[in-house]
Amino acid sequence: MTDANLMLADPVLERRFEPNPLLLTSRRGALEAQLEQLKERLLEPILNSVESAALAQELRRVANEAAALAWFTVCPILVLPTLLEEKVRSALEWWERQESIRHRETGGSETAQTAASA
């Protein structure tokens, strides 16, 4: 037997190159569906507490991003809740800062208009 034949006959090497069961199409499809269901279940109460359609859209975007990032981990179902929480918290903080800036700009122009008309 040649070295190449010995390597192919080595059970340790054969096991090392077996396909990862998590990456098989049928298994992956089921995991993707479970991950999507979990994302929607976690996101629903958050979206129900939001009045702004634009904010809801932003939260959906970050939830999709969290799900995509979770998929690249060893156990996406376990990682998603924490990752989603972090992404949503960050998006809400960003949104509040933007609203504060918008309010200041609007308030500043109203004050200037009031002063100009007086």
PDB file of N, CA and C in Angstrom:
ATOM      1  N   MET A   1       0.834  -1.196   0.000  1.00  0.00           N
ATOM      2  CA  MET A   1       0.000   0.000   0.000  1.00  0.00           C
ATOM      3  C   MET A   1       0.870   1.247   0.000  1.00  0.00           C
ATOM      4  N   THR A   2       0.435   2.216  -0.747  1.00  0.00           N
ATOM      5  CA  THR A   2       1.170   3.486  -0.776  1.00  0.00           C
ATOM      6  C   THR A   2       0.728   4.346   0.403  1.00  0.00           C
ATOM      7  N   ASP A   3       1.470   5.422   0.651  1.00  0.00           N
ATOM      8  CA  ASP A   3       1.120   6.346   1.734  1.00  0.00           C
ATOM      9  C   ASP A   3      -0.265   6.944   1.514  1.00  0.00           C
ATOM     10  N   ALA A   4      -0.593   7.253   0.268  1.00  0.00           N
ATOM     11  CA  ALA A   4      -1.901   7.838  -0.038  1.00  0.00           C
ATOM     12  C   ALA A   4      -3.019   6.853   0.292  1.00  0.00           C
ATOM     13  N   ASN A   5      -2.819   5.571  -0.019  1.00  0.00           N
ATOM     14  CA  ASN A   5      -3.831   4.557   0.304  1.00  0.00           C
ATOM     15  C   ASN A   5      -3.968   4.367   1.806  1.00  0.00           C
ATOM     16  N   LEU A   6      -2.838   4.436   2.522  1.00  0.00           N
ATOM     17  CA  LEU A   6      -2.889   4.301   3.974  1.00  0.00           C
ATOM     18  C   LEU A   6      -3.669   5.461   4.586  1.00  0.00           C
ATOM     19  N   MET A   7      -3.456   6.671   4.068  1.00  0.00           N
ATOM     20  CA  MET A   7      -4.160   7.832   4.600  1.00  0.00           C
ATOM     21  C   MET A   7      -5.658   7.707   4.370  1.00  0.00           C
ATOM     22  N   LEU A   8      -6.044   7.225   3.204  1.00  0.00           N
ATOM     23  CA  LEU A   8      -7.460   7.091   2.910  1.00  0.00           C
ATOM     24  C   LEU A   8      -8.104   5.989   3.736  1.00  0.00           C
ATOM     25  N   ALA A   9      -7.329   4.993   4.110  1.00  0.00           N
ATOM     26  CA  ALA A   9      -7.860   3.887   4.895  1.00  0.00           C
ATOM     27  C   ALA A   9      -7.859   4.185   6.388  1.00  0.00           C
ATOM     28  N   ASP A  10      -7.238   5.266   6.799  1.00  0.00           N
ATOM     29  CA  ASP A  10      -7.158   5.625   8.211  1.00  0.00           C
ATOM     30  C   ASP A  10      -8.532   6.104   8.694  1.00  0.00           C
ATOM     31  N   PRO A  11      -9.165   5.388   9.650  1.00  0.00           N
ATOM     32  CA  PRO A  11     -10.505   5.771  10.114  1.00  0.00           C
ATOM     33  C   PRO A  11     -10.549   7.149  10.773  1.00  0.00           C
ATOM     34  N   VAL A  12      -9.462   7.565  11.400  1.00  0.00           N
ATOM     35  CA  VAL A  12      -9.431   8.887  12.027  1.00  0.00           C
ATOM     36  C   VAL A  12      -9.521   9.963  10.949  1.00  0.00           C
ATOM     37  N   LEU A  13      -8.748   9.800   9.879  1.00  0.00           N
ATOM     38  CA  LEU A  13      -8.799  10.777   8.791  1.00  0.00           C
ATOM     39  C   LEU A  13     -10.154  10.754   8.093  1.00  0.00           C
ATOM     40  N   GLU A  14     -10.722   9.582   7.924  1.00  0.00           N
ATOM     41  CA  GLU A  14     -12.029   9.494   7.276  1.00  0.00           C
ATOM     42  C   GLU A  14     -13.089  10.222   8.093  1.00  0.00           C
ATOM     43  N   ARG A  15     -13.064  10.070   9.424  1.00  0.00           N
ATOM     44  CA  ARG A  15     -14.035  10.759  10.287  1.00  0.00           C
ATOM     45  C   ARG A  15     -13.834  12.269  10.236  1.00  0.00           C
ATOM     46  N   ARG A  16     -12.578  12.672  10.137  1.00  0.00           N
ATOM     47  CA  ARG A  16     -12.275  14.096  10.139  1.00  0.00           C
ATOM     48  C   ARG A  16     -12.858  14.809   8.922  1.00  0.00           C
ATOM     49  N   PHE A  17     -13.030  14.087   7.839  1.00  0.00           N
ATOM     50  CA  PHE A  17     -13.537  14.695   6.623  1.00  0.00           C
ATOM     51  C   PHE A  17     -14.998  14.379   6.350  1.00  0.00           C
ATOM     52  N   GLU A  18     -15.693  13.827   7.335  1.00  0.00           N
ATOM     53  CA  GLU A  18     -17.127  13.603   7.174  1.00  0.00           C
ATOM     54  C   GLU A  18     -17.836  14.955   7.202  1.00  0.00           C
ATOM     55  N   PRO A  19     -18.927  15.084   6.457  1.00  0.00           N
ATOM     56  CA  PRO A  19     -19.643  16.368   6.464  1.00  0.00           C
ATOM     57  C   PRO A  19     -20.228  16.667   7.838  1.00  0.00           C
ATOM     58  N   ASN A  20     -20.194  17.916   8.189  1.00  0.00           N
ATOM     59  CA  ASN A  20     -20.778  18.364   9.443  1.00  0.00           C
ATOM     60  C   ASN A  20     -22.304  18.228   9.335  1.00  0.00           C
ATOM     61  N   PRO A  21     -22.948  17.487  10.239  1.00  0.00           N
ATOM     62  CA  PRO A  21     -24.393  17.286  10.135  1.00  0.00           C
ATOM     63  C   PRO A  21     -25.189  18.590  10.231  1.00  0.00           C
ATOM     64  N   LEU A  22     -24.637  19.602  10.878  1.00  0.00           N
ATOM     65  CA  LEU A  22     -25.338  20.883  10.973  1.00  0.00           C
ATOM     66  C   LEU A  22     -25.391  21.609   9.632  1.00  0.00           C
ATOM     67  N   LEU A  23     -24.462  21.252   8.745  1.00  0.00           N
ATOM     68  CA  LEU A  23     -24.404  21.930   7.458  1.00  0.00           C
ATOM     69  C   LEU A  23     -25.140  21.183   6.354  1.00  0.00           C
ATOM     70  N   LEU A  24     -25.654  20.003   6.650  1.00  0.00           N
ATOM     71  CA  LEU A  24     -26.420  19.277   5.651  1.00  0.00           C
ATOM     72  C   LEU A  24     -27.692  20.055   5.340  1.00  0.00           C
ATOM     73  N   THR A  25     -28.084  20.082   4.100  1.00  0.00           N
ATOM     74  CA  THR A  25     -29.189  20.921   3.655  1.00  0.00           C
ATOM     75  C   THR A  25     -30.474  20.662   4.419  1.00  0.00           C
ATOM     76  N   SER A  26     -30.872  19.403   4.588  1.00  0.00           N
ATOM     77  CA  SER A  26     -32.132  19.124   5.280  1.00  0.00           C
ATOM     78  C   SER A  26     -32.068  19.558   6.737  1.00  0.00           C
ATOM     79  N   ARG A  27     -30.986  19.306   7.393  1.00  0.00           N
ATOM     80  CA  ARG A  27     -30.821  19.709   8.793  1.00  0.00           C
ATOM     81  C   ARG A  27     -30.721  21.233   8.897  1.00  0.00           C
ATOM     82  N   ARG A  28     -29.989  21.835   7.991  1.00  0.00           N
ATOM     83  CA  ARG A  28     -29.806  23.283   8.025  1.00  0.00           C
ATOM     84  C   ARG A  28     -31.139  24.000   7.815  1.00  0.00           C
ATOM     85  N   GLY A  29     -31.957  23.503   6.916  1.00  0.00           N
ATOM     86  CA  GLY A  29     -33.264  24.104   6.673  1.00  0.00           C
ATOM     87  C   GLY A  29     -34.119  24.111   7.928  1.00  0.00           C
ATOM     88  N   ALA A  30     -34.099  23.015   8.659  1.00  0.00           N
ATOM     89  CA  ALA A  30     -34.872  22.928   9.902  1.00  0.00           C
ATOM     90  C   ALA A  30     -34.334  23.908  10.939  1.00  0.00           C
ATOM     91  N   LEU A  31     -33.006  24.003  11.039  1.00  0.00           N
ATOM     92  CA  LEU A  31     -32.403  24.937  11.999  1.00  0.00           C
ATOM     93  C   LEU A  31     -32.689  26.388  11.614  1.00  0.00           C
ATOM     94  N   GLU A  32     -32.640  26.675  10.316  1.00  0.00           N
ATOM     95  CA  GLU A  32     -32.950  28.036   9.877  1.00  0.00           C
ATOM     96  C   GLU A  32     -34.387  28.407  10.220  1.00  0.00           C
ATOM     97  N   ALA A  33     -35.299  27.460  10.044  1.00  0.00           N
ATOM     98  CA  ALA A  33     -36.711  27.710  10.371  1.00  0.00           C
ATOM     99  C   ALA A  33     -36.870  27.941  11.873  1.00  0.00           C
ATOM    100  N   GLN A  34     -36.197  27.138  12.691  1.00  0.00           N
ATOM    101  CA  GLN A  34     -36.270  27.313  14.145  1.00  0.00           C
ATOM    102  C   GLN A  34     -35.678  28.662  14.557  1.00  0.00           C
ATOM    103  N   LEU A  35     -34.575  29.042  13.938  1.00  0.00           N
ATOM    104  CA  LEU A  35     -33.937  30.317  14.258  1.00  0.00           C
ATOM    105  C   LEU A  35     -34.857  31.475  13.879  1.00  0.00           C
ATOM    106  N   GLU A  36     -35.499  31.380  12.730  1.00  0.00           N
ATOM    107  CA  GLU A  36     -36.422  32.424  12.286  1.00  0.00           C
ATOM    108  C   GLU A  36     -37.623  32.525  13.232  1.00  0.00           C
ATOM    109  N   GLN A  37     -38.158  31.380  13.650  1.00  0.00           N
ATOM    110  CA  GLN A  37     -39.289  31.383  14.588  1.00  0.00           C
ATOM    111  C   GLN A  37     -38.885  32.004  15.916  1.00  0.00           C
ATOM    112  N   LEU A  38     -37.711  31.652  16.408  1.00  0.00           N
ATOM    113  CA  LEU A  38     -37.230  32.218  17.670  1.00  0.00           C
ATOM    114  C   LEU A  38     -37.047  33.722  17.537  1.00  0.00           C
ATOM    115  N   LYS A  39     -36.460  34.164  16.434  1.00  0.00           N
ATOM    116  CA  LYS A  39     -36.260  35.604  16.205  1.00  0.00           C
ATOM    117  C   LYS A  39     -37.607  36.328  16.235  1.00  0.00           C
ATOM    118  N   GLU A  40     -38.591  35.796  15.551  1.00  0.00           N
ATOM    119  CA  GLU A  40     -39.913  36.438  15.505  1.00  0.00           C
ATOM    120  C   GLU A  40     -40.569  36.452  16.886  1.00  0.00           C
ATOM    121  N   ARG A  41     -40.437  35.352  17.623  1.00  0.00           N
ATOM    122  CA  ARG A  41     -41.022  35.270  18.969  1.00  0.00           C
ATOM    123  C   ARG A  41     -40.369  36.275  19.917  1.00  0.00           C
ATOM    124  N   LEU A  42     -39.067  36.447  19.806  1.00  0.00           N
ATOM    125  CA  LEU A  42     -38.356  37.402  20.658  1.00  0.00           C
ATOM    126  C   LEU A  42     -38.637  38.847  20.239  1.00  0.00           C
ATOM    127  N   LEU A  43     -38.827  39.063  18.956  1.00  0.00           N
ATOM    128  CA  LEU A  43     -39.008  40.411  18.429  1.00  0.00           C
ATOM    129  C   LEU A  43     -40.435  40.925  18.608  1.00  0.00           C
ATOM    130  N   GLU A  44     -41.400  40.044  18.631  1.00  0.00           N
ATOM    131  CA  GLU A  44     -42.813  40.455  18.688  1.00  0.00           C
ATOM    132  C   GLU A  44     -43.138  41.416  19.834  1.00  0.00           C
ATOM    133  N   PRO A  45     -42.802  41.098  21.095  1.00  0.00           N
ATOM    134  CA  PRO A  45     -43.146  42.045  22.171  1.00  0.00           C
ATOM    135  C   PRO A  45     -42.415  43.382  22.048  1.00  0.00           C
ATOM    136  N   ILE A  46     -41.247  43.363  21.467  1.00  0.00           N
ATOM    137  CA  ILE A  46     -40.496  44.610  21.280  1.00  0.00           C
ATOM    138  C   ILE A  46     -41.210  45.482  20.256  1.00  0.00           C
ATOM    139  N   LEU A  47     -41.593  44.874  19.140  1.00  0.00           N
ATOM    140  CA  LEU A  47     -42.280  45.633  18.093  1.00  0.00           C
ATOM    141  C   LEU A  47     -43.645  46.126  18.549  1.00  0.00           C
ATOM    142  N   ASN A  48     -44.319  45.338  19.404  1.00  0.00           N
ATOM    143  CA  ASN A  48     -45.623  45.755  19.921  1.00  0.00           C
ATOM    144  C   ASN A  48     -45.525  46.981  20.825  1.00  0.00           C
ATOM    145  N   SER A  49     -44.350  47.225  21.385  1.00  0.00           N
ATOM    146  CA  SER A  49     -44.177  48.363  22.285  1.00  0.00           C
ATOM    147  C   SER A  49     -43.709  49.622  21.546  1.00  0.00           C
ATOM    148  N   VAL A  50     -43.531  49.523  20.236  1.00  0.00           N
ATOM    149  CA  VAL A  50     -43.012  50.629  19.437  1.00  0.00           C
ATOM    150  C   VAL A  50     -44.135  51.229  18.602  1.00  0.00           C
ATOM    151  N   GLU A  51     -44.218  52.560  18.614  1.00  0.00           N
ATOM    152  CA  GLU A  51     -45.257  53.241  17.839  1.00  0.00           C
ATOM    153  C   GLU A  51     -44.758  53.669  16.462  1.00  0.00           C
ATOM    154  N   SER A  52     -43.491  53.944  16.331  1.00  0.00           N
ATOM    155  CA  SER A  52     -42.932  54.448  15.090  1.00  0.00           C
ATOM    156  C   SER A  52     -42.684  53.308  14.096  1.00  0.00           C
ATOM    157  N   ALA A  53     -43.235  53.452  12.897  1.00  0.00           N
ATOM    158  CA  ALA A  53     -43.016  52.457  11.844  1.00  0.00           C
ATOM    159  C   ALA A  53     -41.551  52.422  11.424  1.00  0.00           C
ATOM    160  N   ALA A  54     -40.906  53.593  11.422  1.00  0.00           N
ATOM    161  CA  ALA A  54     -39.497  53.660  11.045  1.00  0.00           C
ATOM    162  C   ALA A  54     -38.622  52.936  12.071  1.00  0.00           C
ATOM    163  N   LEU A  55     -38.950  53.100  13.343  1.00  0.00           N
ATOM    164  CA  LEU A  55     -38.196  52.396  14.385  1.00  0.00           C
ATOM    165  C   LEU A  55     -38.443  50.897  14.295  1.00  0.00           C
ATOM    166  N   ALA A  56     -39.674  50.488  14.056  1.00  0.00           N
ATOM    167  CA  ALA A  56     -39.990  49.064  13.905  1.00  0.00           C
ATOM    168  C   ALA A  56     -39.190  48.466  12.752  1.00  0.00           C
ATOM    169  N   GLN A  57     -39.083  49.209  11.663  1.00  0.00           N
ATOM    170  CA  GLN A  57     -38.312  48.745  10.513  1.00  0.00           C
ATOM    171  C   GLN A  57     -36.835  48.603  10.883  1.00  0.00           C
ATOM    172  N   GLU A  58     -36.299  49.555  11.626  1.00  0.00           N
ATOM    173  CA  GLU A  58     -34.904  49.486  12.061  1.00  0.00           C
ATOM    174  C   GLU A  58     -34.690  48.291  12.987  1.00  0.00           C
ATOM    175  N   LEU A  59     -35.644  48.039  13.878  1.00  0.00           N
ATOM    176  CA  LEU A  59     -35.513  46.896  14.792  1.00  0.00           C
ATOM    177  C   LEU A  59     -35.584  45.572  14.036  1.00  0.00           C
ATOM    178  N   ARG A  60     -36.407  45.500  13.019  1.00  0.00           N
ATOM    179  CA  ARG A  60     -36.448  44.295  12.173  1.00  0.00           C
ATOM    180  C   ARG A  60     -35.102  44.093  11.472  1.00  0.00           C
ATOM    181  N   ARG A  61     -34.523  45.193  11.009  1.00  0.00           N
ATOM    182  CA  ARG A  61     -33.228  45.099  10.332  1.00  0.00           C
ATOM    183  C   ARG A  61     -32.153  44.554  11.265  1.00  0.00           C
ATOM    184  N   VAL A  62     -32.096  45.088  12.498  1.00  0.00           N
ATOM    185  CA  VAL A  62     -31.064  44.614  13.427  1.00  0.00           C
ATOM    186  C   VAL A  62     -31.353  43.186  13.886  1.00  0.00           C
ATOM    187  N   ALA A  63     -32.628  42.806  13.952  1.00  0.00           N
ATOM    188  CA  ALA A  63     -32.968  41.423  14.305  1.00  0.00           C
ATOM    189  C   ALA A  63     -32.488  40.463  13.213  1.00  0.00           C
ATOM    190  N   ASN A  64     -32.673  40.846  11.966  1.00  0.00           N
ATOM    191  CA  ASN A  64     -32.179  40.020  10.859  1.00  0.00           C
ATOM    192  C   ASN A  64     -30.658  39.916  10.891  1.00  0.00           C
ATOM    193  N   GLU A  65     -30.015  41.028  11.225  1.00  0.00           N
ATOM    194  CA  GLU A  65     -28.558  41.034  11.343  1.00  0.00           C
ATOM    195  C   GLU A  65     -28.109  40.111  12.474  1.00  0.00           C
ATOM    196  N   ALA A  66     -28.799  40.159  13.597  1.00  0.00           N
ATOM    197  CA  ALA A  66     -28.460  39.296  14.736  1.00  0.00           C
ATOM    198  C   ALA A  66     -28.633  37.829  14.361  1.00  0.00           C
ATOM    199  N   ALA A  67     -29.701  37.504  13.652  1.00  0.00           N
ATOM    200  CA  ALA A  67     -29.935  36.116  13.242  1.00  0.00           C
ATOM    201  C   ALA A  67     -28.847  35.645  12.287  1.00  0.00           C
ATOM    202  N   ALA A  68     -28.447  36.523  11.374  1.00  0.00           N
ATOM    203  CA  ALA A  68     -27.387  36.157  10.431  1.00  0.00           C
ATOM    204  C   ALA A  68     -26.069  35.924  11.162  1.00  0.00           C
ATOM    205  N   LEU A  69     -25.759  36.788  12.113  1.00  0.00           N
ATOM    206  CA  LEU A  69     -24.524  36.619  12.888  1.00  0.00           C
ATOM    207  C   LEU A  69     -24.586  35.365  13.758  1.00  0.00           C
ATOM    208  N   ALA A  70     -25.731  35.110  14.355  1.00  0.00           N
ATOM    209  CA  ALA A  70     -25.885  33.924  15.206  1.00  0.00           C
ATOM    210  C   ALA A  70     -25.677  32.648  14.410  1.00  0.00           C
ATOM    211  N   TRP A  71     -26.094  32.682  13.147  1.00  0.00           N
ATOM    212  CA  TRP A  71     -25.981  31.485  12.310  1.00  0.00           C
ATOM    213  C   TRP A  71     -24.540  31.024  12.175  1.00  0.00           C
ATOM    214  N   PHE A  72     -23.583  31.940  12.282  1.00  0.00           N
ATOM    215  CA  PHE A  72     -22.181  31.588  12.126  1.00  0.00           C
ATOM    216  C   PHE A  72     -21.538  31.086  13.419  1.00  0.00           C
ATOM    217  N   THR A  73     -22.321  30.903  14.456  1.00  0.00           N
ATOM    218  CA  THR A  73     -21.786  30.383  15.714  1.00  0.00           C
ATOM    219  C   THR A  73     -22.052  28.892  15.807  1.00  0.00           C
ATOM    220  N   VAL A  74     -21.493  28.272  16.820  1.00  0.00           N
ATOM    221  CA  VAL A  74     -21.659  26.830  16.998  1.00  0.00           C
ATOM    222  C   VAL A  74     -23.105  26.468  17.298  1.00  0.00           C
ATOM    223  N   CYS A  75     -23.775  27.299  18.084  1.00  0.00           N
ATOM    224  CA  CYS A  75     -25.164  27.015  18.459  1.00  0.00           C
ATOM    225  C   CYS A  75     -26.008  28.282  18.318  1.00  0.00           C
ATOM    226  N   PRO A  76     -26.482  28.560  17.114  1.00  0.00           N
ATOM    227  CA  PRO A  76     -27.190  29.817  16.863  1.00  0.00           C
ATOM    228  C   PRO A  76     -28.428  30.017  17.727  1.00  0.00           C
ATOM    229  N   ILE A  77     -29.126  28.946  18.055  1.00  0.00           N
ATOM    230  CA  ILE A  77     -30.353  29.051  18.856  1.00  0.00           C
ATOM    231  C   ILE A  77     -30.035  29.588  20.249  1.00  0.00           C
ATOM    232  N   LEU A  78     -28.892  29.224  20.783  1.00  0.00           N
ATOM    233  CA  LEU A  78     -28.518  29.704  22.116  1.00  0.00           C
ATOM    234  C   LEU A  78     -27.947  31.119  22.080  1.00  0.00           C
ATOM    235  N   VAL A  79     -27.307  31.477  20.996  1.00  0.00           N
ATOM    236  CA  VAL A  79     -26.646  32.772  20.885  1.00  0.00           C
ATOM    237  C   VAL A  79     -27.635  33.883  20.525  1.00  0.00           C
ATOM    238  N   LEU A  80     -28.645  33.563  19.724  1.00  0.00           N
ATOM    239  CA  LEU A  80     -29.546  34.584  19.198  1.00  0.00           C
ATOM    240  C   LEU A  80     -30.193  35.473  20.264  1.00  0.00           C
ATOM    241  N   PRO A  81     -30.759  34.939  21.353  1.00  0.00           N
ATOM    242  CA  PRO A  81     -31.423  35.832  22.313  1.00  0.00           C
ATOM    243  C   PRO A  81     -30.519  36.933  22.854  1.00  0.00           C
ATOM    244  N   THR A  82     -29.312  36.593  23.229  1.00  0.00           N
ATOM    245  CA  THR A  82     -28.390  37.599  23.772  1.00  0.00           C
ATOM    246  C   THR A  82     -27.939  38.566  22.691  1.00  0.00           C
ATOM    247  N   LEU A  83     -27.627  38.040  21.528  1.00  0.00           N
ATOM    248  CA  LEU A  83     -27.193  38.884  20.426  1.00  0.00           C
ATOM    249  C   LEU A  83     -28.310  39.834  19.997  1.00  0.00           C
ATOM    250  N   LEU A  84     -29.523  39.323  19.938  1.00  0.00           N
ATOM    251  CA  LEU A  84     -30.671  40.160  19.574  1.00  0.00           C
ATOM    252  C   LEU A  84     -30.890  41.259  20.611  1.00  0.00           C
ATOM    253  N   GLU A  85     -30.783  40.897  21.876  1.00  0.00           N
ATOM    254  CA  GLU A  85     -30.949  41.885  22.947  1.00  0.00           C
ATOM    255  C   GLU A  85     -29.918  43.004  22.812  1.00  0.00           C
ATOM    256  N   GLU A  86     -28.664  42.644  22.560  1.00  0.00           N
ATOM    257  CA  GLU A  86     -27.614  43.647  22.414  1.00  0.00           C
ATOM    258  C   GLU A  86     -27.866  44.546  21.212  1.00  0.00           C
ATOM    259  N   LYS A  87     -28.250  43.938  20.095  1.00  0.00           N
ATOM    260  CA  LYS A  87     -28.495  44.708  18.874  1.00  0.00           C
ATOM    261  C   LYS A  87     -29.693  45.642  19.047  1.00  0.00           C
ATOM    262  N   VAL A  88     -30.758  45.158  19.670  1.00  0.00           N
ATOM    263  CA  VAL A  88     -31.954  45.981  19.883  1.00  0.00           C
ATOM    264  C   VAL A  88     -31.628  47.132  20.832  1.00  0.00           C
ATOM    265  N   ARG A  89     -30.916  46.841  21.911  1.00  0.00           N
ATOM    266  CA  ARG A  89     -30.543  47.900  22.862  1.00  0.00           C
ATOM    267  C   ARG A  89     -29.720  48.973  22.160  1.00  0.00           C
ATOM    268  N   SER A  90     -28.772  48.562  21.356  1.00  0.00           N
ATOM    269  CA  SER A  90     -27.932  49.509  20.630  1.00  0.00           C
ATOM    270  C   SER A  90     -28.766  50.327  19.638  1.00  0.00           C
ATOM    271  N   ALA A  91     -29.688  49.684  18.933  1.00  0.00           N
ATOM    272  CA  ALA A  91     -30.545  50.391  17.978  1.00  0.00           C
ATOM    273  C   ALA A  91     -31.449  51.388  18.690  1.00  0.00           C
ATOM    274  N   LEU A  92     -31.973  51.019  19.858  1.00  0.00           N
ATOM    275  CA  LEU A  92     -32.838  51.933  20.613  1.00  0.00           C
ATOM    276  C   LEU A  92     -32.055  53.138  21.118  1.00  0.00           C
ATOM    277  N   GLU A  93     -30.837  52.903  21.574  1.00  0.00           N
ATOM    278  CA  GLU A  93     -29.998  54.022  22.027  1.00  0.00           C
ATOM    279  C   GLU A  93     -29.699  54.957  20.863  1.00  0.00           C
ATOM    280  N   TRP A  94     -29.383  54.396  19.699  1.00  0.00           N
ATOM    281  CA  TRP A  94     -29.123  55.199  18.511  1.00  0.00           C
ATOM    282  C   TRP A  94     -30.366  56.001  18.134  1.00  0.00           C
ATOM    283  N   TRP A  95     -31.530  55.340  18.173  1.00  0.00           N
ATOM    284  CA  TRP A  95     -32.782  56.001  17.812  1.00  0.00           C
ATOM    285  C   TRP A  95     -33.077  57.177  18.756  1.00  0.00           C
ATOM    286  N   GLU A  96     -32.873  56.953  20.054  1.00  0.00           N
ATOM    287  CA  GLU A  96     -33.116  58.019  21.031  1.00  0.00           C
ATOM    288  C   GLU A  96     -32.184  59.205  20.798  1.00  0.00           C
ATOM    289  N   ARG A  97     -30.911  58.934  20.476  1.00  0.00           N
ATOM    290  CA  ARG A  97     -29.974  60.026  20.169  1.00  0.00           C
ATOM    291  C   ARG A  97     -30.439  60.801  18.937  1.00  0.00           C
ATOM    292  N   GLN A  98     -30.880  60.081  17.922  1.00  0.00           N
ATOM    293  CA  GLN A  98     -31.359  60.732  16.700  1.00  0.00           C
ATOM    294  C   GLN A  98     -32.601  61.573  16.984  1.00  0.00           C
ATOM    295  N   GLU A  99     -33.509  61.040  17.782  1.00  0.00           N
ATOM    296  CA  GLU A  99     -34.720  61.790  18.142  1.00  0.00           C
ATOM    297  C   GLU A  99     -34.369  63.042  18.934  1.00  0.00           C
ATOM    298  N   SER A 100     -33.396  62.932  19.814  1.00  0.00           N
ATOM    299  CA  SER A 100     -32.957  64.082  20.595  1.00  0.00           C
ATOM    300  C   SER A 100     -32.388  65.164  19.676  1.00  0.00           C
ATOM    301  N   ILE A 101     -31.609  64.748  18.704  1.00  0.00           N
ATOM    302  CA  ILE A 101     -31.041  65.699  17.741  1.00  0.00           C
ATOM    303  C   ILE A 101     -32.159  66.342  16.925  1.00  0.00           C
ATOM    304  N   ARG A 102     -33.093  65.539  16.450  1.00  0.00           N
ATOM    305  CA  ARG A 102     -34.216  66.074  15.673  1.00  0.00           C
ATOM    306  C   ARG A 102     -35.027  67.069  16.499  1.00  0.00           C
ATOM    307  N   HIS A 103     -35.252  66.727  17.759  1.00  0.00           N
ATOM    308  CA  HIS A 103     -36.030  67.587  18.648  1.00  0.00           C
ATOM    309  C   HIS A 103     -35.308  68.916  18.870  1.00  0.00           C
ATOM    310  N   ARG A 104     -34.003  68.854  19.097  1.00  0.00           N
ATOM    311  CA  ARG A 104     -33.223  70.084  19.296  1.00  0.00           C
ATOM    312  C   ARG A 104     -33.256  70.957  18.056  1.00  0.00           C
ATOM    313  N   GLU A 105     -33.124  70.312  16.883  1.00  0.00           N
ATOM    314  CA  GLU A 105     -33.151  71.087  15.630  1.00  0.00           C
ATOM    315  C   GLU A 105     -34.515  71.727  15.421  1.00  0.00           C
ATOM    316  N   THR A 106     -35.568  70.980  15.677  1.00  0.00           N
ATOM    317  CA  THR A 106     -36.923  71.503  15.535  1.00  0.00           C
ATOM    318  C   THR A 106     -37.189  72.569  16.585  1.00  0.00           C
ATOM    319  N   GLY A 107     -36.819  72.300  17.819  1.00  0.00           N
ATOM    320  CA  GLY A 107     -37.009  73.258  18.906  1.00  0.00           C
ATOM    321  C   GLY A 107     -36.213  74.519  18.677  1.00  0.00           C
ATOM    322  N   GLY A 108     -35.002  74.395  18.171  1.00  0.00           N
ATOM    323  CA  GLY A 108     -34.163  75.546  17.891  1.00  0.00           C
ATOM    324  C   GLY A 108     -34.756  76.416  16.801  1.00  0.00           C
ATOM    325  N   SER A 109     -35.315  75.809  15.757  1.00  0.00           N
ATOM    326  CA  SER A 109     -35.899  76.612  14.671  1.00  0.00           C
ATOM    327  C   SER A 109     -37.202  77.255  15.117  1.00  0.00           C
ATOM    328  N   GLU A 110     -37.974  76.580  15.987  1.00  0.00           N
ATOM    329  CA  GLU A 110     -39.204  77.175  16.508  1.00  0.00           C
ATOM    330  C   GLU A 110     -38.871  78.376  17.382  1.00  0.00           C
ATOM    331  N   THR A 111     -37.820  78.253  18.192  1.00  0.00           N
ATOM    332  CA  THR A 111     -37.413  79.360  19.054  1.00  0.00           C
ATOM    333  C   THR A 111     -36.965  80.550  18.199  1.00  0.00           C
ATOM    334  N   ALA A 112     -36.205  80.270  17.146  1.00  0.00           N
ATOM    335  CA  ALA A 112     -35.735  81.345  16.264  1.00  0.00           C
ATOM    336  C   ALA A 112     -36.905  82.003  15.556  1.00  0.00           C
ATOM    337  N   GLN A 113     -37.897  81.216  15.117  1.00  0.00           N
ATOM    338  CA  GLN A 113     -39.067  81.786  14.451  1.00  0.00           C
ATOM    339  C   GLN A 113     -39.877  82.652  15.412  1.00  0.00           C
ATOM    340  N   THR A 114     -40.034  82.189  16.654  1.00  0.00           N
ATOM    341  CA  THR A 114     -40.781  82.948  17.660  1.00  0.00           C
ATOM    342  C   THR A 114     -40.079  84.260  17.946  1.00  0.00           C
ATOM    343  N   ALA A 115     -38.751  84.242  18.079  1.00  0.00           N
ATOM    344  CA  ALA A 115     -37.982  85.456  18.354  1.00  0.00           C
ATOM    345  C   ALA A 115     -38.058  86.409  17.175  1.00  0.00           C
ATOM    346  N   ALA A 116     -38.041  85.889  15.946  1.00  0.00           N
ATOM    347  CA  ALA A 116     -38.074  86.740  14.751  1.00  0.00           C
ATOM    348  C   ALA A 116     -39.424  87.412  14.587  1.00  0.00           C
ATOM    349  N   SER A 117     -40.506  86.719  14.979  1.00  0.00           N
ATOM    350  CA  SER A 117     -41.833  87.295  14.814  1.00  0.00           C
ATOM    351  C   SER A 117     -42.175  88.280  15.913  1.00  0.00           C
ATOM    352  N   ALA A 118     -41.442  88.280  17.023  1.00  0.00           N
ATOM    353  CA  ALA A 118     -41.753  89.179  18.152  1.00  0.00           C
ATOM    354  C   ALA A 118     -41.262  90.558  17.983  1.00  0.00           C
TER     355      ALA A 118
END
